[in-house]
Amino acid sequence: MAKQLTINDPTTGVTYTLEYTRKSVEIMEKSGFVAEEVERKPMTMLPALFAGAFLAHHRFVKRDVIDNIYARLTHKDELISALVEMYNEPLLSLLDDPEQQEDNEGNLSWKAGW
């Protein structure tokens, strides 16, 4: 199961479920997010990393709401570590082999022609 993080906003009574999926990571990349640039451009990329976690379940939450939530969160260093771990999960799943079945029925194989 994908890793999720929840944030309860007592001022609005809304609970947000943050998660990255293959689709949300793809949307982030198409919007210009580059994970390797987080250390070089933290003022741009850390808020984008946080906002990207809303795409899977809260796509239509406005960026100013997301920025306000981020501003009020404590322990941001631990939050960023959790987000990085969550972000990597769909990337790793892209390279996973399919579930092994006893007879490999339905799984495809490949070979190089050189």
PDB file of N, CA and C in Angstrom:
ATOM      1  N   MET A   1       0.838  -1.182   0.000  1.00  0.00           N
ATOM      2  CA  MET A   1       0.000   0.000   0.000  1.00  0.00           C
ATOM      3  C   MET A   1       0.882   1.244   0.000  1.00  0.00           C
ATOM      4  N   ALA A   2       0.438   2.257  -0.695  1.00  0.00           N
ATOM      5  CA  ALA A   2       1.191   3.498  -0.791  1.00  0.00           C
ATOM      6  C   ALA A   2       1.247   4.190   0.571  1.00  0.00           C
ATOM      7  N   LYS A   3       2.330   4.899   0.794  1.00  0.00           N
ATOM      8  CA  LYS A   3       2.483   5.633   2.044  1.00  0.00           C
ATOM      9  C   LYS A   3       1.663   6.907   1.971  1.00  0.00           C
ATOM     10  N   GLN A   4       0.998   7.202   3.065  1.00  0.00           N
ATOM     11  CA  GLN A   4       0.160   8.392   3.147  1.00  0.00           C
ATOM     12  C   GLN A   4       0.481   9.148   4.424  1.00  0.00           C
ATOM     13  N   LEU A   5       0.180  10.426   4.382  1.00  0.00           N
ATOM     14  CA  LEU A   5       0.356  11.301   5.522  1.00  0.00           C
ATOM     15  C   LEU A   5      -0.953  12.077   5.662  1.00  0.00           C
ATOM     16  N   THR A   6      -1.444  12.217   6.875  1.00  0.00           N
ATOM     17  CA  THR A   6      -2.682  12.981   7.055  1.00  0.00           C
ATOM     18  C   THR A   6      -2.411  14.240   7.860  1.00  0.00           C
ATOM     19  N   ILE A   7      -3.130  15.276   7.497  1.00  0.00           N
ATOM     20  CA  ILE A   7      -3.049  16.550   8.195  1.00  0.00           C
ATOM     21  C   ILE A   7      -4.474  16.954   8.544  1.00  0.00           C
ATOM     22  N   ASN A   8      -4.710  17.179   9.823  1.00  0.00           N
ATOM     23  CA  ASN A   8      -6.017  17.641  10.290  1.00  0.00           C
ATOM     24  C   ASN A   8      -5.925  19.130  10.561  1.00  0.00           C
ATOM     25  N   ASP A   9      -6.766  19.897   9.884  1.00  0.00           N
ATOM     26  CA  ASP A   9      -6.790  21.343  10.076  1.00  0.00           C
ATOM     27  C   ASP A   9      -7.951  21.684  11.008  1.00  0.00           C
ATOM     28  N   PRO A  10      -7.660  21.978  12.276  1.00  0.00           N
ATOM     29  CA  PRO A  10      -8.745  22.254  13.231  1.00  0.00           C
ATOM     30  C   PRO A  10      -9.503  23.552  12.936  1.00  0.00           C
ATOM     31  N   THR A  11      -8.893  24.472  12.207  1.00  0.00           N
ATOM     32  CA  THR A  11      -9.587  25.728  11.907  1.00  0.00           C
ATOM     33  C   THR A  11     -10.700  25.542  10.884  1.00  0.00           C
ATOM     34  N   THR A  12     -10.558  24.535  10.018  1.00  0.00           N
ATOM     35  CA  THR A  12     -11.582  24.284   8.993  1.00  0.00           C
ATOM     36  C   THR A  12     -12.299  22.965   9.203  1.00  0.00           C
ATOM     37  N   GLY A  13     -11.723  22.104  10.037  1.00  0.00           N
ATOM     38  CA  GLY A  13     -12.302  20.778  10.240  1.00  0.00           C
ATOM     39  C   GLY A  13     -12.009  19.814   9.109  1.00  0.00           C
ATOM     40  N   VAL A  14     -11.106  20.189   8.201  1.00  0.00           N
ATOM     41  CA  VAL A  14     -10.796  19.351   7.039  1.00  0.00           C
ATOM     42  C   VAL A  14      -9.588  18.476   7.353  1.00  0.00           C
ATOM     43  N   THR A  15      -9.666  17.219   6.945  1.00  0.00           N
ATOM     44  CA  THR A  15      -8.538  16.309   7.032  1.00  0.00           C
ATOM     45  C   THR A  15      -8.022  16.082   5.621  1.00  0.00           C
ATOM     46  N   TYR A  16      -6.746  16.309   5.437  1.00  0.00           N
ATOM     47  CA  TYR A  16      -6.104  16.130   4.134  1.00  0.00           C
ATOM     48  C   TYR A  16      -5.292  14.845   4.150  1.00  0.00           C
ATOM     49  N   THR A  17      -5.397  14.067   3.100  1.00  0.00           N
ATOM     50  CA  THR A  17      -4.602  12.860   2.932  1.00  0.00           C
ATOM     51  C   THR A  17      -3.587  13.142   1.840  1.00  0.00           C
ATOM     52  N   LEU A  18      -2.332  13.147   2.214  1.00  0.00           N
ATOM     53  CA  LEU A  18      -1.266  13.425   1.263  1.00  0.00           C
ATOM     54  C   LEU A  18      -0.646  12.121   0.805  1.00  0.00           C
ATOM     55  N   GLU A  19      -0.420  12.040  -0.494  1.00  0.00           N
ATOM     56  CA  GLU A  19       0.121  10.816  -1.087  1.00  0.00           C
ATOM     57  C   GLU A  19       0.664  11.159  -2.460  1.00  0.00           C
ATOM     58  N   TYR A  20       1.649  10.401  -2.896  1.00  0.00           N
ATOM     59  CA  TYR A  20       2.139  10.508  -4.268  1.00  0.00           C
ATOM     60  C   TYR A  20       1.786   9.216  -4.997  1.00  0.00           C
ATOM     61  N   THR A  21       1.274   9.367  -6.187  1.00  0.00           N
ATOM     62  CA  THR A  21       1.011   8.245  -7.068  1.00  0.00           C
ATOM     63  C   THR A  21       1.846   8.443  -8.327  1.00  0.00           C
ATOM     64  N   ARG A  22       1.880   7.445  -9.171  1.00  0.00           N
ATOM     65  CA  ARG A  22       2.593   7.621 -10.440  1.00  0.00           C
ATOM     66  C   ARG A  22       2.026   8.811 -11.207  1.00  0.00           C
ATOM     67  N   LYS A  23       0.714   8.938 -11.197  1.00  0.00           N
ATOM     68  CA  LYS A  23       0.064  10.017 -11.936  1.00  0.00           C
ATOM     69  C   LYS A  23       0.394  11.383 -11.329  1.00  0.00           C
ATOM     70  N   SER A  24       0.363  11.495 -10.005  1.00  0.00           N
ATOM     71  CA  SER A  24       0.651  12.792  -9.389  1.00  0.00           C
ATOM     72  C   SER A  24       2.117  13.182  -9.596  1.00  0.00           C
ATOM     73  N   VAL A  25       3.032  12.218  -9.561  1.00  0.00           N
ATOM     74  CA  VAL A  25       4.443  12.507  -9.830  1.00  0.00           C
ATOM     75  C   VAL A  25       4.608  12.949 -11.286  1.00  0.00           C
ATOM     76  N   GLU A  26       3.893  12.301 -12.184  1.00  0.00           N
ATOM     77  CA  GLU A  26       3.941  12.692 -13.592  1.00  0.00           C
ATOM     78  C   GLU A  26       3.452  14.142 -13.774  1.00  0.00           C
ATOM     79  N   ILE A  27       2.361  14.489 -13.102  1.00  0.00           N
ATOM     80  CA  ILE A  27       1.835  15.857 -13.172  1.00  0.00           C
ATOM     81  C   ILE A  27       2.865  16.846 -12.625  1.00  0.00           C
ATOM     82  N   MET A  28       3.500  16.493 -11.521  1.00  0.00           N
ATOM     83  CA  MET A  28       4.517  17.367 -10.944  1.00  0.00           C
ATOM     84  C   MET A  28       5.674  17.574 -11.921  1.00  0.00           C
ATOM     85  N   GLU A  29       6.134  16.497 -12.531  1.00  0.00           N
ATOM     86  CA  GLU A  29       7.243  16.595 -13.480  1.00  0.00           C
ATOM     87  C   GLU A  29       6.856  17.460 -14.678  1.00  0.00           C
ATOM     88  N   LYS A  30       5.650  17.281 -15.186  1.00  0.00           N
ATOM     89  CA  LYS A  30       5.195  18.083 -16.323  1.00  0.00           C
ATOM     90  C   LYS A  30       5.065  19.563 -15.953  1.00  0.00           C
ATOM     91  N   SER A  31       4.871  19.830 -14.663  1.00  0.00           N
ATOM     92  CA  SER A  31       4.763  21.213 -14.184  1.00  0.00           C
ATOM     93  C   SER A  31       6.126  21.820 -13.872  1.00  0.00           C
ATOM     94  N   GLY A  32       7.189  21.047 -14.061  1.00  0.00           N
ATOM     95  CA  GLY A  32       8.535  21.576 -13.859  1.00  0.00           C
ATOM     96  C   GLY A  32       9.249  21.111 -12.606  1.00  0.00           C
ATOM     97  N   PHE A  33       8.630  20.223 -11.817  1.00  0.00           N
ATOM     98  CA  PHE A  33       9.293  19.742 -10.605  1.00  0.00           C
ATOM     99  C   PHE A  33      10.416  18.782 -10.985  1.00  0.00           C
ATOM    100  N   VAL A  34      11.608  19.035 -10.443  1.00  0.00           N
ATOM    101  CA  VAL A  34      12.760  18.169 -10.656  1.00  0.00           C
ATOM    102  C   VAL A  34      13.327  17.851  -9.279  1.00  0.00           C
ATOM    103  N   ALA A  35      13.219  16.594  -8.871  1.00  0.00           N
ATOM    104  CA  ALA A  35      13.626  16.201  -7.519  1.00  0.00           C
ATOM    105  C   ALA A  35      15.091  16.534  -7.237  1.00  0.00           C
ATOM    106  N   GLU A  36      15.949  16.419  -8.229  1.00  0.00           N
ATOM    107  CA  GLU A  36      17.371  16.682  -8.042  1.00  0.00           C
ATOM    108  C   GLU A  36      17.642  18.155  -7.716  1.00  0.00           C
ATOM    109  N   GLU A  37      16.687  19.028  -7.965  1.00  0.00           N
ATOM    110  CA  GLU A  37      16.882  20.452  -7.714  1.00  0.00           C
ATOM    111  C   GLU A  37      16.430  20.894  -6.320  1.00  0.00           C
ATOM    112  N   VAL A  38      15.956  19.978  -5.509  1.00  0.00           N
ATOM    113  CA  VAL A  38      15.470  20.343  -4.171  1.00  0.00           C
ATOM    114  C   VAL A  38      16.575  20.987  -3.344  1.00  0.00           C
ATOM    115  N   GLU A  39      17.784  20.452  -3.404  1.00  0.00           N
ATOM    116  CA  GLU A  39      18.888  21.025  -2.619  1.00  0.00           C
ATOM    117  C   GLU A  39      19.373  22.347  -3.195  1.00  0.00           C
ATOM    118  N   ARG A  40      19.339  22.497  -4.525  1.00  0.00           N
ATOM    119  CA  ARG A  40      19.823  23.726  -5.162  1.00  0.00           C
ATOM    120  C   ARG A  40      18.809  24.854  -5.103  1.00  0.00           C
ATOM    121  N   LYS A  41      17.513  24.509  -5.118  1.00  0.00           N
ATOM    122  CA  LYS A  41      16.450  25.511  -5.136  1.00  0.00           C
ATOM    123  C   LYS A  41      15.394  25.193  -4.070  1.00  0.00           C
ATOM    124  N   PRO A  42      15.783  25.194  -2.803  1.00  0.00           N
ATOM    125  CA  PRO A  42      14.829  24.786  -1.768  1.00  0.00           C
ATOM    126  C   PRO A  42      13.614  25.708  -1.631  1.00  0.00           C
ATOM    127  N   MET A  43      13.780  26.990  -1.889  1.00  0.00           N
ATOM    128  CA  MET A  43      12.651  27.923  -1.752  1.00  0.00           C
ATOM    129  C   MET A  43      11.564  27.651  -2.788  1.00  0.00           C
ATOM    130  N   THR A  44      11.939  27.088  -3.905  1.00  0.00           N
ATOM    131  CA  THR A  44      10.991  26.755  -4.967  1.00  0.00           C
ATOM    132  C   THR A  44      10.527  25.315  -4.855  1.00  0.00           C
ATOM    133  N   MET A  45      11.470  24.409  -4.662  1.00  0.00           N
ATOM    134  CA  MET A  45      11.166  22.988  -4.771  1.00  0.00           C
ATOM    135  C   MET A  45      10.532  22.374  -3.518  1.00  0.00           C
ATOM    136  N   LEU A  46      10.875  22.837  -2.323  1.00  0.00           N
ATOM    137  CA  LEU A  46      10.246  22.266  -1.126  1.00  0.00           C
ATOM    138  C   LEU A  46       8.746  22.571  -1.072  1.00  0.00           C
ATOM    139  N   PRO A  47       8.316  23.805  -1.327  1.00  0.00           N
ATOM    140  CA  PRO A  47       6.872  24.040  -1.387  1.00  0.00           C
ATOM    141  C   PRO A  47       6.199  23.260  -2.518  1.00  0.00           C
ATOM    142  N   ALA A  48       6.894  23.086  -3.639  1.00  0.00           N
ATOM    143  CA  ALA A  48       6.330  22.309  -4.751  1.00  0.00           C
ATOM    144  C   ALA A  48       6.204  20.830  -4.378  1.00  0.00           C
ATOM    145  N   LEU A  49       7.172  20.314  -3.634  1.00  0.00           N
ATOM    146  CA  LEU A  49       7.107  18.933  -3.163  1.00  0.00           C
ATOM    147  C   LEU A  49       5.903  18.738  -2.254  1.00  0.00           C
ATOM    148  N   PHE A  50       5.698  19.684  -1.340  1.00  0.00           N
ATOM    149  CA  PHE A  50       4.558  19.618  -0.430  1.00  0.00           C
ATOM    150  C   PHE A  50       3.246  19.731  -1.198  1.00  0.00           C
ATOM    151  N   ALA A  51       3.151  20.707  -2.080  1.00  0.00           N
ATOM    152  CA  ALA A  51       1.920  20.905  -2.852  1.00  0.00           C
ATOM    153  C   ALA A  51       1.614  19.701  -3.736  1.00  0.00           C
ATOM    154  N   GLY A  52       2.638  19.061  -4.250  1.00  0.00           N
ATOM    155  CA  GLY A  52       2.443  17.887  -5.100  1.00  0.00           C
ATOM    156  C   GLY A  52       1.794  16.731  -4.367  1.00  0.00           C
ATOM    157  N   ALA A  53       1.991  16.659  -3.068  1.00  0.00           N
ATOM    158  CA  ALA A  53       1.396  15.582  -2.281  1.00  0.00           C
ATOM    159  C   ALA A  53      -0.121  15.712  -2.180  1.00  0.00           C
ATOM    160  N   PHE A  54      -0.658  16.880  -2.509  1.00  0.00           N
ATOM    161  CA  PHE A  54      -2.101  17.102  -2.482  1.00  0.00           C
ATOM    162  C   PHE A  54      -2.778  16.603  -3.763  1.00  0.00           C
ATOM    163  N   LEU A  55      -2.013  16.406  -4.827  1.00  0.00           N
ATOM    164  CA  LEU A  55      -2.603  16.103  -6.131  1.00  0.00           C
ATOM    165  C   LEU A  55      -3.401  14.804  -6.171  1.00  0.00           C
ATOM    166  N   ALA A  56      -2.969  13.794  -5.449  1.00  0.00           N
ATOM    167  CA  ALA A  56      -3.638  12.492  -5.516  1.00  0.00           C
ATOM    168  C   ALA A  56      -5.062  12.528  -4.959  1.00  0.00           C
ATOM    169  N   HIS A  57      -5.283  13.282  -3.886  1.00  0.00           N
ATOM    170  CA  HIS A  57      -6.596  13.266  -3.231  1.00  0.00           C
ATOM    171  C   HIS A  57      -7.270  14.635  -3.126  1.00  0.00           C
ATOM    172  N   HIS A  58      -6.507  15.695  -3.335  1.00  0.00           N
ATOM    173  CA  HIS A  58      -7.048  17.050  -3.146  1.00  0.00           C
ATOM    174  C   HIS A  58      -6.573  17.963  -4.276  1.00  0.00           C
ATOM    175  N   ARG A  59      -6.756  17.508  -5.480  1.00  0.00           N
ATOM    176  CA  ARG A  59      -6.240  18.198  -6.662  1.00  0.00           C
ATOM    177  C   ARG A  59      -6.711  19.649  -6.783  1.00  0.00           C
ATOM    178  N   PHE A  60      -7.902  19.946  -6.309  1.00  0.00           N
ATOM    179  CA  PHE A  60      -8.465  21.272  -6.536  1.00  0.00           C
ATOM    180  C   PHE A  60      -8.320  22.226  -5.347  1.00  0.00           C
ATOM    181  N   VAL A  61      -7.512  21.845  -4.370  1.00  0.00           N
ATOM    182  CA  VAL A  61      -7.215  22.759  -3.264  1.00  0.00           C
ATOM    183  C   VAL A  61      -6.283  23.833  -3.806  1.00  0.00           C
ATOM    184  N   LYS A  62      -6.614  25.084  -3.542  1.00  0.00           N
ATOM    185  CA  LYS A  62      -5.833  26.201  -4.080  1.00  0.00           C
ATOM    186  C   LYS A  62      -4.462  26.286  -3.422  1.00  0.00           C
ATOM    187  N   ARG A  63      -3.510  26.772  -4.196  1.00  0.00           N
ATOM    188  CA  ARG A  63      -2.131  26.837  -3.736  1.00  0.00           C
ATOM    189  C   ARG A  63      -1.982  27.720  -2.502  1.00  0.00           C
ATOM    190  N   ASP A  64      -2.744  28.798  -2.394  1.00  0.00           N
ATOM    191  CA  ASP A  64      -2.621  29.645  -1.201  1.00  0.00           C
ATOM    192  C   ASP A  64      -3.090  28.914   0.054  1.00  0.00           C
ATOM    193  N   VAL A  65      -4.071  28.021  -0.075  1.00  0.00           N
ATOM    194  CA  VAL A  65      -4.520  27.196   1.056  1.00  0.00           C
ATOM    195  C   VAL A  65      -3.407  26.225   1.448  1.00  0.00           C
ATOM    196  N   ILE A  66      -2.791  25.603   0.442  1.00  0.00           N
ATOM    197  CA  ILE A  66      -1.696  24.663   0.689  1.00  0.00           C
ATOM    198  C   ILE A  66      -0.523  25.388   1.350  1.00  0.00           C
ATOM    199  N   ASP A  67      -0.180  26.563   0.849  1.00  0.00           N
ATOM    200  CA  ASP A  67       0.923  27.340   1.430  1.00  0.00           C
ATOM    201  C   ASP A  67       0.620  27.730   2.872  1.00  0.00           C
ATOM    202  N   ASN A  68      -0.648  28.059   3.164  1.00  0.00           N
ATOM    203  CA  ASN A  68      -1.054  28.403   4.523  1.00  0.00           C
ATOM    204  C   ASN A  68      -0.923  27.197   5.448  1.00  0.00           C
ATOM    205  N   ILE A  69      -1.316  26.030   4.966  1.00  0.00           N
ATOM    206  CA  ILE A  69      -1.182  24.803   5.764  1.00  0.00           C
ATOM    207  C   ILE A  69       0.294  24.547   6.066  1.00  0.00           C
ATOM    208  N   TYR A  70       1.131  24.641   5.035  1.00  0.00           N
ATOM    209  CA  TYR A  70       2.567  24.412   5.206  1.00  0.00           C
ATOM    210  C   TYR A  70       3.165  25.375   6.234  1.00  0.00           C
ATOM    211  N   ALA A  71       2.762  26.625   6.166  1.00  0.00           N
ATOM    212  CA  ALA A  71       3.300  27.638   7.079  1.00  0.00           C
ATOM    213  C   ALA A  71       2.969  27.332   8.539  1.00  0.00           C
ATOM    214  N   ARG A  72       1.856  26.652   8.776  1.00  0.00           N
ATOM    215  CA  ARG A  72       1.427  26.369  10.152  1.00  0.00           C
ATOM    216  C   ARG A  72       1.904  25.025  10.682  1.00  0.00           C
ATOM    217  N   LEU A  73       2.566  24.228   9.849  1.00  0.00           N
ATOM    218  CA  LEU A  73       3.029  22.910  10.293  1.00  0.00           C
ATOM    219  C   LEU A  73       4.300  23.019  11.126  1.00  0.00           C
ATOM    220  N   THR A  74       4.383  22.137  12.117  1.00  0.00           N
ATOM    221  CA  THR A  74       5.583  22.054  12.938  1.00  0.00           C
ATOM    222  C   THR A  74       6.452  20.906  12.428  1.00  0.00           C
ATOM    223  N   HIS A  75       7.675  20.848  12.896  1.00  0.00           N
ATOM    224  CA  HIS A  75       8.616  19.769  12.571  1.00  0.00           C
ATOM    225  C   HIS A  75       8.770  19.602  11.054  1.00  0.00           C
ATOM    226  N   LYS A  76       9.015  20.700  10.365  1.00  0.00           N
ATOM    227  CA  LYS A  76       9.112  20.666   8.895  1.00  0.00           C
ATOM    228  C   LYS A  76      10.264  19.791   8.407  1.00  0.00           C
ATOM    229  N   ASP A  77      11.356  19.715   9.166  1.00  0.00           N
ATOM    230  CA  ASP A  77      12.467  18.869   8.745  1.00  0.00           C
ATOM    231  C   ASP A  77      12.037  17.405   8.660  1.00  0.00           C
ATOM    232  N   GLU A  78      11.258  16.942   9.635  1.00  0.00           N
ATOM    233  CA  GLU A  78      10.754  15.570   9.614  1.00  0.00           C
ATOM    234  C   GLU A  78       9.695  15.392   8.526  1.00  0.00           C
ATOM    235  N   LEU A  79       8.892  16.433   8.317  1.00  0.00           N
ATOM    236  CA  LEU A  79       7.880  16.400   7.268  1.00  0.00           C
ATOM    237  C   LEU A  79       8.538  16.233   5.907  1.00  0.00           C
ATOM    238  N   ILE A  80       9.569  16.994   5.634  1.00  0.00           N
ATOM    239  CA  ILE A  80      10.250  16.915   4.341  1.00  0.00           C
ATOM    240  C   ILE A  80      10.856  15.528   4.148  1.00  0.00           C
ATOM    241  N   SER A  81      11.437  14.971   5.188  1.00  0.00           N
ATOM    242  CA  SER A  81      11.986  13.612   5.094  1.00  0.00           C
ATOM    243  C   SER A  81      10.901  12.609   4.741  1.00  0.00           C
ATOM    244  N   ALA A  82       9.737  12.737   5.375  1.00  0.00           N
ATOM    245  CA  ALA A  82       8.617  11.832   5.077  1.00  0.00           C
ATOM    246  C   ALA A  82       8.135  12.019   3.647  1.00  0.00           C
ATOM    247  N   LEU A  83       8.056  13.267   3.187  1.00  0.00           N
ATOM    248  CA  LEU A  83       7.601  13.531   1.820  1.00  0.00           C
ATOM    249  C   LEU A  83       8.567  12.953   0.789  1.00  0.00           C
ATOM    250  N   VAL A  84       9.862  13.077   1.046  1.00  0.00           N
ATOM    251  CA  VAL A  84      10.861  12.520   0.126  1.00  0.00           C
ATOM    252  C   VAL A  84      10.705  11.002   0.039  1.00  0.00           C
ATOM    253  N   GLU A  85      10.530  10.367   1.178  1.00  0.00           N
ATOM    254  CA  GLU A  85      10.325   8.911   1.198  1.00  0.00           C
ATOM    255  C   GLU A  85       9.056   8.527   0.443  1.00  0.00           C
ATOM    256  N   MET A  86       7.996   9.292   0.654  1.00  0.00           N
ATOM    257  CA  MET A  86       6.731   9.032  -0.035  1.00  0.00           C
ATOM    258  C   MET A  86       6.867   9.254  -1.540  1.00  0.00           C
ATOM    259  N   TYR A  87       7.581  10.303  -1.935  1.00  0.00           N
ATOM    260  CA  TYR A  87       7.766  10.638  -3.349  1.00  0.00           C
ATOM    261  C   TYR A  87       8.523   9.538  -4.084  1.00  0.00           C
ATOM    262  N   ASN A  88       9.480   8.935  -3.402  1.00  0.00           N
ATOM    263  CA  ASN A  88      10.296   7.888  -4.025  1.00  0.00           C
ATOM    264  C   ASN A  88       9.528   6.590  -4.251  1.00  0.00           C
ATOM    265  N   GLU A  89       8.492   6.359  -3.478  1.00  0.00           N
ATOM    266  CA  GLU A  89       7.771   5.091  -3.575  1.00  0.00           C
ATOM    267  C   GLU A  89       7.187   4.808  -4.969  1.00  0.00           C
ATOM    268  N   PRO A  90       6.460   5.755  -5.593  1.00  0.00           N
ATOM    269  CA  PRO A  90       5.952   5.460  -6.941  1.00  0.00           C
ATOM    270  C   PRO A  90       7.071   5.305  -7.973  1.00  0.00           C
ATOM    271  N   LEU A  91       8.190   5.985  -7.753  1.00  0.00           N
ATOM    272  CA  LEU A  91       9.315   5.839  -8.675  1.00  0.00           C
ATOM    273  C   LEU A  91       9.885   4.430  -8.592  1.00  0.00           C
ATOM    274  N   LEU A  92      10.010   3.918  -7.383  1.00  0.00           N
ATOM    275  CA  LEU A  92      10.522   2.554  -7.211  1.00  0.00           C
ATOM    276  C   LEU A  92       9.540   1.522  -7.754  1.00  0.00           C
ATOM    277  N   SER A  93       8.247   1.799  -7.612  1.00  0.00           N
ATOM    278  CA  SER A  93       7.250   0.845  -8.102  1.00  0.00           C
ATOM    279  C   SER A  93       7.267   0.748  -9.618  1.00  0.00           C
ATOM    280  N   LEU A  94       7.741   1.788 -10.279  1.00  0.00           N
ATOM    281  CA  LEU A  94       7.842   1.781 -11.734  1.00  0.00           C
ATOM    282  C   LEU A  94       8.832   0.711 -12.206  1.00  0.00           C
ATOM    283  N   LEU A  95       9.813   0.388 -11.368  1.00  0.00           N
ATOM    284  CA  LEU A  95      10.834  -0.591 -11.714  1.00  0.00           C
ATOM    285  C   LEU A  95      10.556  -1.982 -11.165  1.00  0.00           C
ATOM    286  N   ASP A  96       9.517  -2.123 -10.345  1.00  0.00           N
ATOM    287  CA  ASP A  96       9.191  -3.425  -9.765  1.00  0.00           C
ATOM    288  C   ASP A  96       8.785  -4.422 -10.836  1.00  0.00           C
ATOM    289  N   ASP A  97       9.140  -5.671 -10.595  1.00  0.00           N
ATOM    290  CA  ASP A  97       8.652  -6.747 -11.449  1.00  0.00           C
ATOM    291  C   ASP A  97       7.206  -7.041 -11.086  1.00  0.00           C
ATOM    292  N   PRO A  98       6.426  -7.574 -12.033  1.00  0.00           N
ATOM    293  CA  PRO A  98       5.046  -7.929 -11.703  1.00  0.00           C
ATOM    294  C   PRO A  98       5.013  -9.030 -10.652  1.00  0.00           C
ATOM    295  N   GLU A  99       3.855  -9.122  -9.982  1.00  0.00           N
ATOM    296  CA  GLU A  99       3.695 -10.184  -8.989  1.00  0.00           C
ATOM    297  C   GLU A  99       4.032 -11.533  -9.629  1.00  0.00           C
ATOM    298  N   GLN A 100       4.860 -12.285  -8.950  1.00  0.00           N
ATOM    299  CA  GLN A 100       5.246 -13.587  -9.483  1.00  0.00           C
ATOM    300  C   GLN A 100       4.108 -14.585  -9.327  1.00  0.00           C
ATOM    301  N   GLN A 101       3.737 -15.178 -10.420  1.00  0.00           N
ATOM    302  CA  GLN A 101       2.751 -16.242 -10.392  1.00  0.00           C
ATOM    303  C   GLN A 101       3.504 -17.540 -10.648  1.00  0.00           C
ATOM    304  N   GLU A 102       2.944 -18.640 -10.178  1.00  0.00           N
ATOM    305  CA  GLU A 102       3.654 -19.907 -10.308  1.00  0.00           C
ATOM    306  C   GLU A 102       4.014 -20.221 -11.754  1.00  0.00           C
ATOM    307  N   ASP A 103       3.099 -19.973 -12.667  1.00  0.00           N
ATOM    308  CA  ASP A 103       3.365 -20.301 -14.064  1.00  0.00           C
ATOM    309  C   ASP A 103       3.699 -19.069 -14.910  1.00  0.00           C
ATOM    310  N   ASN A 104       3.861 -17.904 -14.260  1.00  0.00           N
ATOM    311  CA  ASN A 104       4.150 -16.646 -14.951  1.00  0.00           C
ATOM    312  C   ASN A 104       3.104 -16.282 -16.000  1.00  0.00           C
ATOM    313  N   GLU A 105       1.925 -16.847 -15.891  1.00  0.00           N
ATOM    314  CA  GLU A 105       0.867 -16.560 -16.857  1.00  0.00           C
ATOM    315  C   GLU A 105       0.529 -15.074 -16.846  1.00  0.00           C
ATOM    316  N   GLY A 106       0.522 -14.478 -18.011  1.00  0.00           N
ATOM    317  CA  GLY A 106       0.189 -13.072 -18.145  1.00  0.00           C
ATOM    318  C   GLY A 106       1.383 -12.141 -18.062  1.00  0.00           C
ATOM    319  N   ASN A 107       2.509 -12.607 -17.530  1.00  0.00           N
ATOM    320  CA  ASN A 107       3.702 -11.772 -17.459  1.00  0.00           C
ATOM    321  C   ASN A 107       4.441 -11.836 -18.787  1.00  0.00           C
ATOM    322  N   LEU A 108       4.988 -10.719 -19.199  1.00  0.00           N
ATOM    323  CA  LEU A 108       5.712 -10.645 -20.460  1.00  0.00           C
ATOM    324  C   LEU A 108       7.208 -10.719 -20.202  1.00  0.00           C
ATOM    325  N   SER A 109       7.939 -11.246 -21.165  1.00  0.00           N
ATOM    326  CA  SER A 109       9.389 -11.265 -21.070  1.00  0.00           C
ATOM    327  C   SER A 109       9.932 -10.482 -22.269  1.00  0.00           C
ATOM    328  N   TRP A 110      11.203 -10.211 -22.242  1.00  0.00           N
ATOM    329  CA  TRP A 110      11.813  -9.478 -23.337  1.00  0.00           C
ATOM    330  C   TRP A 110      13.231  -9.984 -23.529  1.00  0.00           C
ATOM    331  N   LYS A 111      13.824  -9.679 -24.688  1.00  0.00           N
ATOM    332  CA  LYS A 111      15.229  -9.992 -24.917  1.00  0.00           C
ATOM    333  C   LYS A 111      15.800  -8.968 -25.889  1.00  0.00           C
ATOM    334  N   ALA A 112      17.062  -8.713 -25.740  1.00  0.00           N
ATOM    335  CA  ALA A 112      17.746  -7.764 -26.617  1.00  0.00           C
ATOM    336  C   ALA A 112      18.154  -8.487 -27.906  1.00  0.00           C
ATOM    337  N   GLY A 113      18.132  -7.762 -29.005  1.00  0.00           N
ATOM    338  CA  GLY A 113      18.443  -8.377 -30.287  1.00  0.00           C
ATOM    339  C   GLY A 113      19.864  -8.146 -30.748  1.00  0.00           C
ATOM    340  N   TRP A 114      20.742  -7.751 -29.861  1.00  0.00           N
ATOM    341  CA  TRP A 114      22.128  -7.559 -30.290  1.00  0.00           C
ATOM    342  C   TRP A 114      23.056  -8.549 -29.703  1.00  0.00           C
TER     343      TRP A 114
END
